[in-house]
Amino acid sequence: MIKAILVFNNHGKPRMSRFYQYYPEDMQQQIVRETFHLVSKRDDNVCNFLEGGTLIGGSDFKIIYRHYATLYFVFCVDSSESELGILDLIQVFVETLDKCFENVCELDLIFHVDKVHYILAELVMGGMVLETNMTEIITRIEEQNKLEKSEKKRDLLVGELYVAGIAAAPARAMSAMKDMNIPQKIKDMKLPDLPSIGNLKF
């Protein structure tokens, strides 16, 4: 089972983290720091998996990672998971991000965090691998994008109708005033007779 998925840059700044086991916030930050410390000091020519750190379970857990340009993609898993299977899953995740963002970079992960989490949720849910076929994942993401675009269009149309209604309000008000024919109504108005002032004493 996958316990955590972490993405951080070469300086250890987390760009995405997803924990499938509860850890308090401060513990999560310590896990990210410890994992970065373990992974960053390794040479590029050594294997991409090692024992988990003391905070993420020690020898019962494995850290499996890949380093792409400025980013480390790290999966913390228990001993039931296959190292090569997880390396392949990381590759699928990165390639999917690459297709969705057209040459994914660190800024995409920062500014589109909701989309990144949605893509990840298509691969892994509750620590279990759901899908490894990139074509299927991209199909689901395209469907989601179409749905979002149609909702945006609908919201835009509703907004335009609302604005058009407000803009038309003064014209409708003027039309209603003309229909009331106020000058003629003033002429037709009958005022009550006023008392005569001849009897008043000053």
N, C-alpha and C. Protein backbone atom coordinates (compact mmCIF):
# COMPACT_ATOMS: atom_id res chain seq x y z
N MET A 1 0.84 -1.19 0.00
CA MET A 1 0.00 0.00 0.00
C MET A 1 0.89 1.26 0.00
N ILE A 2 0.42 2.28 -0.69
CA ILE A 2 1.15 3.55 -0.74
C ILE A 2 0.75 4.37 0.48
N LYS A 3 1.75 4.84 1.21
CA LYS A 3 1.49 5.63 2.42
C LYS A 3 1.53 7.13 2.14
N ALA A 4 2.39 7.54 1.22
CA ALA A 4 2.50 8.97 0.93
C ALA A 4 3.12 9.15 -0.45
N ILE A 5 2.73 10.25 -1.10
CA ILE A 5 3.33 10.65 -2.37
C ILE A 5 3.80 12.09 -2.19
N LEU A 6 5.07 12.31 -2.41
CA LEU A 6 5.67 13.62 -2.18
C LEU A 6 6.37 14.09 -3.45
N VAL A 7 6.23 15.36 -3.72
CA VAL A 7 7.00 15.98 -4.81
C VAL A 7 7.66 17.22 -4.23
N PHE A 8 8.97 17.29 -4.31
CA PHE A 8 9.67 18.48 -3.84
C PHE A 8 10.79 18.81 -4.81
N ASN A 9 11.25 20.05 -4.72
CA ASN A 9 12.29 20.48 -5.66
C ASN A 9 13.68 20.18 -5.11
N ASN A 10 14.71 20.60 -5.83
CA ASN A 10 16.10 20.31 -5.46
C ASN A 10 16.51 20.94 -4.14
N HIS A 11 15.73 21.93 -3.67
CA HIS A 11 16.03 22.61 -2.41
C HIS A 11 15.16 22.08 -1.26
N GLY A 12 14.36 21.07 -1.52
CA GLY A 12 13.53 20.49 -0.47
C GLY A 12 12.21 21.17 -0.25
N LYS A 13 11.83 22.11 -1.14
CA LYS A 13 10.54 22.79 -1.01
C LYS A 13 9.45 21.88 -1.54
N PRO A 14 8.46 21.53 -0.71
CA PRO A 14 7.39 20.64 -1.19
C PRO A 14 6.52 21.33 -2.23
N ARG A 15 6.28 20.64 -3.33
CA ARG A 15 5.41 21.16 -4.39
C ARG A 15 4.09 20.42 -4.45
N MET A 16 4.04 19.25 -3.86
CA MET A 16 2.80 18.50 -3.73
C MET A 16 3.03 17.40 -2.70
N SER A 17 2.05 17.19 -1.84
CA SER A 17 2.15 16.07 -0.90
C SER A 17 0.77 15.48 -0.70
N ARG A 18 0.73 14.16 -0.66
CA ARG A 18 -0.54 13.45 -0.45
C ARG A 18 -0.24 12.29 0.48
N PHE A 19 -0.84 12.33 1.67
CA PHE A 19 -0.65 11.28 2.66
C PHE A 19 -1.90 10.41 2.71
N TYR A 20 -1.71 9.09 2.65
CA TYR A 20 -2.83 8.15 2.71
C TYR A 20 -2.94 7.51 4.09
N GLN A 21 -2.18 8.03 5.01
CA GLN A 21 -2.24 7.60 6.40
C GLN A 21 -2.18 8.89 7.21
N TYR A 22 -2.95 8.96 8.30
CA TYR A 22 -3.00 10.21 9.05
C TYR A 22 -1.68 10.50 9.77
N TYR A 23 -1.20 11.70 9.56
CA TYR A 23 -0.07 12.25 10.31
C TYR A 23 -0.44 13.70 10.64
N PRO A 24 -0.13 14.17 11.84
CA PRO A 24 -0.35 15.60 12.13
C PRO A 24 0.47 16.46 11.17
N GLU A 25 0.05 17.72 11.02
CA GLU A 25 0.69 18.63 10.06
C GLU A 25 2.20 18.76 10.30
N ASP A 26 2.60 18.93 11.56
CA ASP A 26 4.03 19.10 11.84
C ASP A 26 4.82 17.82 11.53
N MET A 27 4.19 16.67 11.74
CA MET A 27 4.82 15.38 11.42
C MET A 27 4.98 15.23 9.90
N GLN A 28 3.97 15.68 9.14
CA GLN A 28 4.06 15.63 7.68
C GLN A 28 5.25 16.45 7.19
N GLN A 29 5.43 17.64 7.76
CA GLN A 29 6.56 18.49 7.36
C GLN A 29 7.90 17.83 7.71
N GLN A 30 7.94 17.16 8.86
CA GLN A 30 9.17 16.46 9.24
C GLN A 30 9.45 15.30 8.29
N ILE A 31 8.39 14.59 7.87
CA ILE A 31 8.55 13.47 6.93
C ILE A 31 9.10 13.98 5.60
N VAL A 32 8.57 15.11 5.14
CA VAL A 32 9.06 15.70 3.88
C VAL A 32 10.54 16.05 4.02
N ARG A 33 10.91 16.68 5.14
CA ARG A 33 12.32 17.06 5.36
C ARG A 33 13.22 15.83 5.42
N GLU A 34 12.79 14.83 6.19
CA GLU A 34 13.61 13.62 6.34
C GLU A 34 13.75 12.89 5.01
N THR A 35 12.64 12.80 4.26
CA THR A 35 12.67 12.12 2.96
C THR A 35 13.58 12.86 1.99
N PHE A 36 13.49 14.18 1.97
CA PHE A 36 14.38 14.96 1.11
C PHE A 36 15.83 14.72 1.48
N HIS A 37 16.12 14.70 2.78
CA HIS A 37 17.49 14.48 3.24
C HIS A 37 18.02 13.12 2.78
N LEU A 38 17.16 12.09 2.86
CA LEU A 38 17.57 10.74 2.46
C LEU A 38 17.80 10.65 0.95
N VAL A 39 16.91 11.27 0.18
CA VAL A 39 16.92 11.11 -1.28
C VAL A 39 17.95 12.02 -1.94
N SER A 40 18.07 13.26 -1.45
CA SER A 40 18.90 14.25 -2.14
C SER A 40 20.40 13.94 -2.05
N LYS A 41 20.81 13.23 -1.01
CA LYS A 41 22.25 12.96 -0.88
C LYS A 41 22.70 11.74 -1.69
N ARG A 42 21.76 11.08 -2.38
CA ARG A 42 22.12 9.90 -3.17
C ARG A 42 22.61 10.31 -4.56
N ASP A 43 23.57 9.55 -5.06
CA ASP A 43 24.09 9.80 -6.42
C ASP A 43 23.05 9.39 -7.45
N ASP A 44 23.17 9.97 -8.64
CA ASP A 44 22.23 9.64 -9.72
C ASP A 44 22.43 8.23 -10.25
N ASN A 45 23.60 7.63 -10.01
CA ASN A 45 23.88 6.30 -10.58
C ASN A 45 23.55 5.16 -9.63
N VAL A 46 22.91 5.44 -8.48
CA VAL A 46 22.50 4.37 -7.57
C VAL A 46 21.03 4.05 -7.80
N CYS A 47 20.55 2.94 -7.23
CA CYS A 47 19.16 2.53 -7.46
C CYS A 47 18.20 3.55 -6.83
N ASN A 48 16.97 3.52 -7.31
CA ASN A 48 16.00 4.54 -6.93
C ASN A 48 15.09 4.11 -5.79
N PHE A 49 15.50 3.17 -4.98
CA PHE A 49 14.71 2.84 -3.80
C PHE A 49 15.61 2.54 -2.62
N LEU A 50 15.09 2.86 -1.43
CA LEU A 50 15.83 2.70 -0.19
C LEU A 50 14.85 2.49 0.96
N GLU A 51 15.37 2.14 2.11
CA GLU A 51 14.52 1.94 3.29
C GLU A 51 13.91 3.26 3.71
N GLY A 52 12.69 3.17 4.26
CA GLY A 52 12.01 4.37 4.74
C GLY A 52 12.74 4.99 5.90
N GLY A 53 12.51 6.28 6.12
CA GLY A 53 13.13 6.97 7.25
C GLY A 53 12.48 6.56 8.56
N THR A 54 13.00 7.05 9.64
CA THR A 54 12.48 6.68 10.96
C THR A 54 11.04 7.15 11.15
N LEU A 55 10.67 8.27 10.52
CA LEU A 55 9.32 8.81 10.71
C LEU A 55 8.27 8.09 9.87
N ILE A 56 8.67 7.50 8.76
CA ILE A 56 7.70 6.87 7.86
C ILE A 56 7.72 5.36 7.98
N GLY A 57 8.31 4.82 9.02
CA GLY A 57 8.17 3.39 9.27
C GLY A 57 9.42 2.56 9.23
N GLY A 58 10.56 3.17 8.98
CA GLY A 58 11.82 2.44 9.00
C GLY A 58 11.91 1.33 7.97
N SER A 59 12.43 0.16 8.38
CA SER A 59 12.70 -0.92 7.43
C SER A 59 11.43 -1.59 6.91
N ASP A 60 10.29 -1.34 7.54
CA ASP A 60 9.03 -1.90 7.04
C ASP A 60 8.53 -1.15 5.81
N PHE A 61 9.08 0.01 5.56
CA PHE A 61 8.63 0.84 4.44
C PHE A 61 9.78 1.11 3.49
N LYS A 62 9.41 1.42 2.24
CA LYS A 62 10.41 1.73 1.22
C LYS A 62 10.13 3.11 0.64
N ILE A 63 11.19 3.79 0.31
CA ILE A 63 11.08 5.06 -0.41
C ILE A 63 11.53 4.78 -1.84
N ILE A 64 10.62 5.04 -2.77
CA ILE A 64 10.91 4.82 -4.19
C ILE A 64 10.76 6.18 -4.88
N TYR A 65 11.77 6.59 -5.62
CA TYR A 65 11.76 7.95 -6.15
C TYR A 65 12.34 8.00 -7.56
N ARG A 66 12.05 9.10 -8.21
CA ARG A 66 12.68 9.44 -9.48
C ARG A 66 12.98 10.93 -9.46
N HIS A 67 14.09 11.30 -10.05
CA HIS A 67 14.52 12.70 -10.10
C HIS A 67 14.44 13.18 -11.54
N TYR A 68 13.57 14.17 -11.78
CA TYR A 68 13.42 14.75 -13.11
C TYR A 68 13.75 16.24 -13.02
N ALA A 69 14.78 16.68 -13.70
CA ALA A 69 15.18 18.09 -13.75
C ALA A 69 15.26 18.67 -12.34
N THR A 70 14.32 19.53 -11.96
CA THR A 70 14.38 20.17 -10.64
C THR A 70 13.46 19.51 -9.61
N LEU A 71 12.80 18.41 -9.98
CA LEU A 71 11.81 17.82 -9.07
C LEU A 71 12.12 16.37 -8.72
N TYR A 72 11.86 16.03 -7.47
CA TYR A 72 11.89 14.65 -7.00
C TYR A 72 10.44 14.18 -6.83
N PHE A 73 10.12 13.03 -7.43
CA PHE A 73 8.82 12.38 -7.23
C PHE A 73 9.07 11.17 -6.35
N VAL A 74 8.49 11.19 -5.15
CA VAL A 74 8.79 10.17 -4.14
C VAL A 74 7.50 9.47 -3.70
N PHE A 75 7.53 8.14 -3.72
CA PHE A 75 6.43 7.33 -3.21
C PHE A 75 6.94 6.58 -1.98
N CYS A 76 6.26 6.73 -0.87
CA CYS A 76 6.58 5.97 0.35
C CYS A 76 5.57 4.82 0.44
N VAL A 77 6.07 3.59 0.39
CA VAL A 77 5.18 2.42 0.30
C VAL A 77 5.57 1.39 1.35
N ASP A 78 4.63 0.46 1.63
CA ASP A 78 4.99 -0.63 2.54
C ASP A 78 5.63 -1.76 1.74
N SER A 79 6.01 -2.81 2.44
CA SER A 79 6.80 -3.88 1.82
C SER A 79 6.00 -4.72 0.83
N SER A 80 4.68 -4.55 0.77
CA SER A 80 3.88 -5.36 -0.16
C SER A 80 3.96 -4.84 -1.60
N GLU A 81 4.42 -3.62 -1.79
CA GLU A 81 4.47 -3.02 -3.13
C GLU A 81 5.76 -3.41 -3.85
N SER A 82 5.65 -3.54 -5.16
CA SER A 82 6.81 -3.85 -6.01
C SER A 82 7.57 -2.56 -6.33
N GLU A 83 8.87 -2.58 -6.12
CA GLU A 83 9.69 -1.40 -6.40
C GLU A 83 9.60 -1.00 -7.88
N LEU A 84 9.72 -2.00 -8.76
CA LEU A 84 9.69 -1.71 -10.19
C LEU A 84 8.30 -1.24 -10.63
N GLY A 85 7.27 -1.82 -10.03
CA GLY A 85 5.90 -1.38 -10.32
C GLY A 85 5.68 0.07 -9.94
N ILE A 86 6.20 0.47 -8.79
CA ILE A 86 6.06 1.87 -8.34
C ILE A 86 6.90 2.80 -9.21
N LEU A 87 8.11 2.36 -9.62
CA LEU A 87 8.91 3.18 -10.54
C LEU A 87 8.14 3.43 -11.84
N ASP A 88 7.47 2.39 -12.32
CA ASP A 88 6.65 2.52 -13.53
C ASP A 88 5.48 3.47 -13.29
N LEU A 89 4.87 3.39 -12.10
CA LEU A 89 3.75 4.27 -11.77
C LEU A 89 4.20 5.73 -11.72
N ILE A 90 5.39 5.97 -11.17
CA ILE A 90 5.93 7.33 -11.15
C ILE A 90 6.10 7.83 -12.58
N GLN A 91 6.62 6.96 -13.45
CA GLN A 91 6.82 7.34 -14.85
C GLN A 91 5.48 7.70 -15.52
N VAL A 92 4.45 6.89 -15.26
CA VAL A 92 3.12 7.17 -15.82
C VAL A 92 2.61 8.51 -15.30
N PHE A 93 2.76 8.76 -14.01
CA PHE A 93 2.32 10.02 -13.40
C PHE A 93 3.01 11.21 -14.05
N VAL A 94 4.33 11.13 -14.21
CA VAL A 94 5.09 12.25 -14.78
C VAL A 94 4.73 12.45 -16.26
N GLU A 95 4.60 11.37 -17.01
CA GLU A 95 4.24 11.49 -18.43
C GLU A 95 2.83 12.07 -18.59
N THR A 96 1.92 11.68 -17.71
CA THR A 96 0.57 12.22 -17.76
C THR A 96 0.58 13.71 -17.47
N LEU A 97 1.32 14.11 -16.45
CA LEU A 97 1.47 15.55 -16.15
C LEU A 97 2.07 16.27 -17.35
N ASP A 98 3.05 15.65 -17.98
CA ASP A 98 3.73 16.25 -19.13
C ASP A 98 2.75 16.47 -20.28
N LYS A 99 1.86 15.51 -20.51
CA LYS A 99 0.89 15.65 -21.61
C LYS A 99 -0.17 16.69 -21.26
N CYS A 100 -0.58 16.72 -20.00
CA CYS A 100 -1.64 17.65 -19.60
C CYS A 100 -1.16 19.10 -19.57
N PHE A 101 0.10 19.32 -19.20
CA PHE A 101 0.62 20.67 -19.07
C PHE A 101 1.59 21.05 -20.18
N GLU A 102 1.80 20.15 -21.16
CA GLU A 102 2.73 20.40 -22.26
C GLU A 102 4.09 20.81 -21.71
N ASN A 103 4.90 19.84 -21.41
CA ASN A 103 6.23 20.02 -20.78
C ASN A 103 6.07 20.58 -19.37
N VAL A 104 5.62 19.72 -18.50
CA VAL A 104 5.36 20.11 -17.11
C VAL A 104 6.61 20.68 -16.45
N CYS A 105 6.41 21.68 -15.62
CA CYS A 105 7.52 22.27 -14.86
C CYS A 105 7.04 22.52 -13.43
N GLU A 106 7.94 22.98 -12.61
CA GLU A 106 7.64 23.21 -11.20
C GLU A 106 6.49 24.19 -11.02
N LEU A 107 6.43 25.22 -11.86
CA LEU A 107 5.37 26.23 -11.73
C LEU A 107 3.99 25.64 -12.00
N ASP A 108 3.90 24.66 -12.89
CA ASP A 108 2.61 24.01 -13.15
C ASP A 108 2.08 23.35 -11.88
N LEU A 109 2.95 22.73 -11.12
CA LEU A 109 2.54 22.07 -9.89
C LEU A 109 2.12 23.09 -8.84
N ILE A 110 2.71 24.27 -8.87
CA ILE A 110 2.37 25.31 -7.89
C ILE A 110 1.03 25.96 -8.24
N PHE A 111 0.85 26.34 -9.51
CA PHE A 111 -0.33 27.12 -9.90
C PHE A 111 -1.54 26.27 -10.30
N HIS A 112 -1.34 24.98 -10.51
CA HIS A 112 -2.46 24.11 -10.88
C HIS A 112 -2.56 22.92 -9.94
N VAL A 113 -2.44 23.21 -8.65
CA VAL A 113 -2.39 22.13 -7.65
C VAL A 113 -3.66 21.27 -7.67
N ASP A 114 -4.82 21.89 -7.94
CA ASP A 114 -6.06 21.13 -7.98
C ASP A 114 -6.07 20.12 -9.13
N LYS A 115 -5.55 20.54 -10.27
CA LYS A 115 -5.50 19.64 -11.43
C LYS A 115 -4.49 18.51 -11.20
N VAL A 116 -3.37 18.84 -10.57
CA VAL A 116 -2.35 17.82 -10.26
C VAL A 116 -2.95 16.76 -9.33
N HIS A 117 -3.68 17.20 -8.31
CA HIS A 117 -4.31 16.26 -7.38
C HIS A 117 -5.39 15.43 -8.08
N TYR A 118 -6.09 16.05 -9.04
CA TYR A 118 -7.09 15.30 -9.80
C TYR A 118 -6.42 14.20 -10.63
N ILE A 119 -5.31 14.54 -11.28
CA ILE A 119 -4.57 13.55 -12.08
C ILE A 119 -4.08 12.42 -11.17
N LEU A 120 -3.54 12.78 -10.02
CA LEU A 120 -3.05 11.78 -9.08
C LEU A 120 -4.19 10.87 -8.60
N ALA A 121 -5.37 11.45 -8.39
CA ALA A 121 -6.52 10.66 -7.93
C ALA A 121 -6.98 9.66 -8.99
N GLU A 122 -6.66 9.92 -10.26
CA GLU A 122 -6.98 8.96 -11.31
C GLU A 122 -6.05 7.75 -11.26
N LEU A 123 -4.84 7.95 -10.71
CA LEU A 123 -3.86 6.87 -10.59
C LEU A 123 -3.98 6.12 -9.27
N VAL A 124 -4.09 6.88 -8.17
CA VAL A 124 -4.05 6.29 -6.83
C VAL A 124 -5.21 6.84 -6.01
N MET A 125 -5.91 5.95 -5.32
CA MET A 125 -7.00 6.38 -4.44
C MET A 125 -6.88 5.60 -3.14
N GLY A 126 -6.81 6.30 -2.03
CA GLY A 126 -6.74 5.65 -0.73
C GLY A 126 -5.50 4.78 -0.56
N GLY A 127 -4.45 5.11 -1.27
CA GLY A 127 -3.21 4.35 -1.16
C GLY A 127 -3.15 3.12 -2.06
N MET A 128 -4.19 2.91 -2.86
CA MET A 128 -4.24 1.76 -3.77
C MET A 128 -4.15 2.26 -5.22
N VAL A 129 -3.41 1.52 -6.04
CA VAL A 129 -3.26 1.89 -7.45
C VAL A 129 -4.55 1.56 -8.18
N LEU A 130 -5.12 2.57 -8.86
CA LEU A 130 -6.37 2.38 -9.60
C LEU A 130 -6.13 2.11 -11.08
N GLU A 131 -5.25 2.91 -11.67
CA GLU A 131 -5.08 2.87 -13.13
C GLU A 131 -3.63 3.15 -13.47
N THR A 132 -3.09 2.36 -14.42
CA THR A 132 -1.72 2.60 -14.90
C THR A 132 -1.68 2.87 -16.40
N ASN A 133 -2.84 2.76 -17.06
CA ASN A 133 -2.91 3.00 -18.49
C ASN A 133 -3.05 4.51 -18.73
N MET A 134 -2.01 5.12 -19.30
CA MET A 134 -1.99 6.56 -19.48
C MET A 134 -3.10 7.04 -20.42
N THR A 135 -3.44 6.25 -21.42
CA THR A 135 -4.50 6.64 -22.36
C THR A 135 -5.83 6.78 -21.62
N GLU A 136 -6.13 5.83 -20.74
CA GLU A 136 -7.36 5.89 -19.95
C GLU A 136 -7.37 7.11 -19.04
N ILE A 137 -6.25 7.37 -18.42
CA ILE A 137 -6.16 8.50 -17.48
C ILE A 137 -6.38 9.81 -18.23
N ILE A 138 -5.73 9.95 -19.39
CA ILE A 138 -5.87 11.19 -20.17
C ILE A 138 -7.30 11.35 -20.69
N THR A 139 -7.94 10.24 -21.05
CA THR A 139 -9.36 10.30 -21.48
C THR A 139 -10.22 10.86 -20.35
N ARG A 140 -10.03 10.37 -19.11
CA ARG A 140 -10.80 10.86 -17.96
C ARG A 140 -10.53 12.35 -17.72
N ILE A 141 -9.28 12.76 -17.88
CA ILE A 141 -8.91 14.16 -17.63
C ILE A 141 -9.54 15.05 -18.70
N GLU A 142 -9.54 14.60 -19.96
CA GLU A 142 -10.16 15.38 -21.03
C GLU A 142 -11.66 15.52 -20.80
N GLU A 143 -12.30 14.45 -20.33
CA GLU A 143 -13.73 14.53 -20.00
C GLU A 143 -13.97 15.56 -18.90
N GLN A 144 -13.10 15.55 -17.89
CA GLN A 144 -13.21 16.52 -16.80
C GLN A 144 -13.02 17.95 -17.32
N ASN A 145 -12.05 18.14 -18.23
CA ASN A 145 -11.80 19.47 -18.80
C ASN A 145 -13.01 19.96 -19.60
N LYS A 146 -13.66 19.06 -20.37
CA LYS A 146 -14.85 19.43 -21.14
C LYS A 146 -15.97 19.85 -20.19
N LEU A 147 -16.14 19.10 -19.11
CA LEU A 147 -17.17 19.42 -18.13
C LEU A 147 -16.91 20.79 -17.50
N GLU A 148 -15.66 21.06 -17.16
CA GLU A 148 -15.32 22.36 -16.57
C GLU A 148 -15.56 23.49 -17.55
N LYS A 149 -15.21 23.27 -18.84
CA LYS A 149 -15.43 24.31 -19.86
C LYS A 149 -16.91 24.59 -20.04
N SER A 150 -17.74 23.53 -20.07
CA SER A 150 -19.17 23.74 -20.25
C SER A 150 -19.76 24.47 -19.04
N GLU A 151 -19.27 24.17 -17.84
CA GLU A 151 -19.74 24.89 -16.65
C GLU A 151 -19.31 26.35 -16.68
N LYS A 152 -18.08 26.61 -17.16
CA LYS A 152 -17.61 27.99 -17.26
C LYS A 152 -18.45 28.77 -18.27
N LYS A 153 -18.77 28.11 -19.42
CA LYS A 153 -19.61 28.76 -20.43
C LYS A 153 -20.97 29.09 -19.85
N ARG A 154 -21.54 28.13 -19.11
CA ARG A 154 -22.86 28.35 -18.51
C ARG A 154 -22.81 29.51 -17.51
N ASP A 155 -21.77 29.52 -16.67
CA ASP A 155 -21.63 30.60 -15.69
C ASP A 155 -21.44 31.94 -16.38
N LEU A 156 -20.67 31.93 -17.48
CA LEU A 156 -20.44 33.16 -18.24
C LEU A 156 -21.74 33.67 -18.86
N LEU A 157 -22.53 32.75 -19.40
CA LEU A 157 -23.81 33.11 -20.01
C LEU A 157 -24.75 33.68 -18.96
N VAL A 158 -24.83 33.04 -17.80
CA VAL A 158 -25.68 33.54 -16.72
C VAL A 158 -25.22 34.93 -16.30
N GLY A 159 -23.90 35.12 -16.21
CA GLY A 159 -23.36 36.43 -15.86
C GLY A 159 -23.70 37.49 -16.89
N GLU A 160 -23.60 37.11 -18.19
CA GLU A 160 -23.92 38.06 -19.26
C GLU A 160 -25.40 38.43 -19.23
N LEU A 161 -26.27 37.44 -18.99
CA LEU A 161 -27.70 37.73 -18.90
C LEU A 161 -28.01 38.65 -17.73
N TYR A 162 -27.32 38.41 -16.62
CA TYR A 162 -27.52 39.25 -15.43
C TYR A 162 -27.10 40.68 -15.73
N VAL A 163 -25.91 40.84 -16.36
CA VAL A 163 -25.41 42.18 -16.69
C VAL A 163 -26.33 42.83 -17.71
N ALA A 164 -26.77 42.05 -18.71
CA ALA A 164 -27.67 42.61 -19.72
C ALA A 164 -28.97 43.07 -19.07
N GLY A 165 -29.45 42.32 -18.10
CA GLY A 165 -30.68 42.70 -17.38
C GLY A 165 -30.50 44.00 -16.63
N ILE A 166 -29.33 44.17 -15.99
CA ILE A 166 -29.05 45.41 -15.26
C ILE A 166 -28.91 46.57 -16.23
N ALA A 167 -28.21 46.33 -17.36
CA ALA A 167 -28.00 47.39 -18.34
C ALA A 167 -29.33 47.83 -18.96
N ALA A 168 -30.25 46.88 -19.13
CA ALA A 168 -31.54 47.20 -19.75
C ALA A 168 -32.51 47.83 -18.76
N ALA A 169 -32.22 47.78 -17.48
CA ALA A 169 -33.15 48.27 -16.46
C ALA A 169 -33.50 49.75 -16.64
N PRO A 170 -32.52 50.67 -16.87
CA PRO A 170 -32.91 52.08 -17.06
C PRO A 170 -33.84 52.28 -18.27
N ALA A 171 -33.59 51.56 -19.37
CA ALA A 171 -34.44 51.70 -20.55
C ALA A 171 -35.85 51.21 -20.24
N ARG A 172 -35.94 50.09 -19.50
CA ARG A 172 -37.27 49.57 -19.13
C ARG A 172 -38.00 50.54 -18.21
N ALA A 173 -37.23 51.15 -17.31
CA ALA A 173 -37.84 52.12 -16.38
C ALA A 173 -38.38 53.32 -17.15
N MET A 174 -37.61 53.82 -18.13
CA MET A 174 -38.06 54.96 -18.94
C MET A 174 -39.30 54.59 -19.74
N SER A 175 -39.30 53.39 -20.29
CA SER A 175 -40.46 52.93 -21.06
C SER A 175 -41.70 52.87 -20.17
N ALA A 176 -41.52 52.39 -18.95
CA ALA A 176 -42.66 52.30 -18.02
C ALA A 176 -43.17 53.69 -17.66
N MET A 177 -42.24 54.64 -17.52
CA MET A 177 -42.64 56.02 -17.19
C MET A 177 -43.45 56.63 -18.34
N LYS A 178 -43.01 56.35 -19.59
CA LYS A 178 -43.75 56.89 -20.75
C LYS A 178 -45.14 56.29 -20.81
N ASP A 179 -45.21 54.97 -20.51
CA ASP A 179 -46.52 54.31 -20.55
C ASP A 179 -47.47 54.89 -19.50
N MET A 180 -46.93 55.40 -18.41
CA MET A 180 -47.77 55.95 -17.36
C MET A 180 -48.36 57.30 -17.75
N ASN A 181 -47.77 58.01 -18.72
CA ASN A 181 -48.24 59.32 -19.18
C ASN A 181 -48.43 60.27 -18.00
N ILE A 182 -47.38 60.53 -17.27
CA ILE A 182 -47.41 61.32 -16.03
C ILE A 182 -47.90 62.76 -16.26
N PRO A 183 -47.46 63.48 -17.33
CA PRO A 183 -47.96 64.86 -17.50
C PRO A 183 -49.49 64.93 -17.58
N GLN A 184 -50.10 63.99 -18.30
CA GLN A 184 -51.56 63.99 -18.42
C GLN A 184 -52.20 63.67 -17.07
N LYS A 185 -51.58 62.77 -16.31
CA LYS A 185 -52.13 62.40 -15.00
C LYS A 185 -52.08 63.58 -14.05
N ILE A 186 -51.04 64.42 -14.16
CA ILE A 186 -50.96 65.62 -13.31
C ILE A 186 -52.08 66.59 -13.66
N LYS A 187 -52.33 66.73 -14.98
CA LYS A 187 -53.41 67.62 -15.42
C LYS A 187 -54.76 67.12 -14.93
N ASP A 188 -54.96 65.83 -14.96
CA ASP A 188 -56.25 65.25 -14.56
C ASP A 188 -56.42 65.17 -13.04
N MET A 189 -55.40 65.47 -12.29
CA MET A 189 -55.46 65.32 -10.85
C MET A 189 -56.39 66.37 -10.26
N LYS A 190 -57.29 65.97 -9.39
CA LYS A 190 -58.21 66.90 -8.74
C LYS A 190 -57.77 67.09 -7.32
N LEU A 191 -57.53 68.35 -6.97
CA LEU A 191 -57.12 68.68 -5.62
C LEU A 191 -58.34 69.05 -4.79
N PRO A 192 -58.35 68.77 -3.51
CA PRO A 192 -59.50 69.14 -2.67
C PRO A 192 -59.58 70.67 -2.53
N ASP A 193 -60.77 71.18 -2.33
CA ASP A 193 -60.95 72.63 -2.15
C ASP A 193 -60.28 73.05 -0.85
N LEU A 194 -59.59 74.18 -0.90
CA LEU A 194 -58.93 74.70 0.28
C LEU A 194 -59.91 75.60 1.04
N PRO A 195 -59.81 75.65 2.36
CA PRO A 195 -60.73 76.54 3.10
C PRO A 195 -60.41 78.00 2.77
N SER A 196 -61.42 78.81 2.80
CA SER A 196 -61.18 80.21 2.47
C SER A 196 -60.46 80.87 3.64
N ILE A 197 -59.61 81.84 3.35
CA ILE A 197 -58.80 82.47 4.39
C ILE A 197 -59.41 83.78 4.87
N GLY A 198 -60.61 84.09 4.45
CA GLY A 198 -61.24 85.36 4.84
C GLY A 198 -61.56 85.40 6.32
N ASN A 199 -61.84 84.34 6.99
CA ASN A 199 -62.24 84.30 8.39
C ASN A 199 -61.06 84.25 9.36
N LEU A 200 -59.86 84.15 8.84
CA LEU A 200 -58.68 84.01 9.70
C LEU A 200 -58.29 85.38 10.26
N LYS A 201 -57.93 85.42 11.53
CA LYS A 201 -57.49 86.65 12.17
C LYS A 201 -56.03 86.56 12.49
N PHE A 202 -55.32 87.65 12.30
CA PHE A 202 -53.89 87.68 12.60
C PHE A 202 -53.62 88.59 13.77
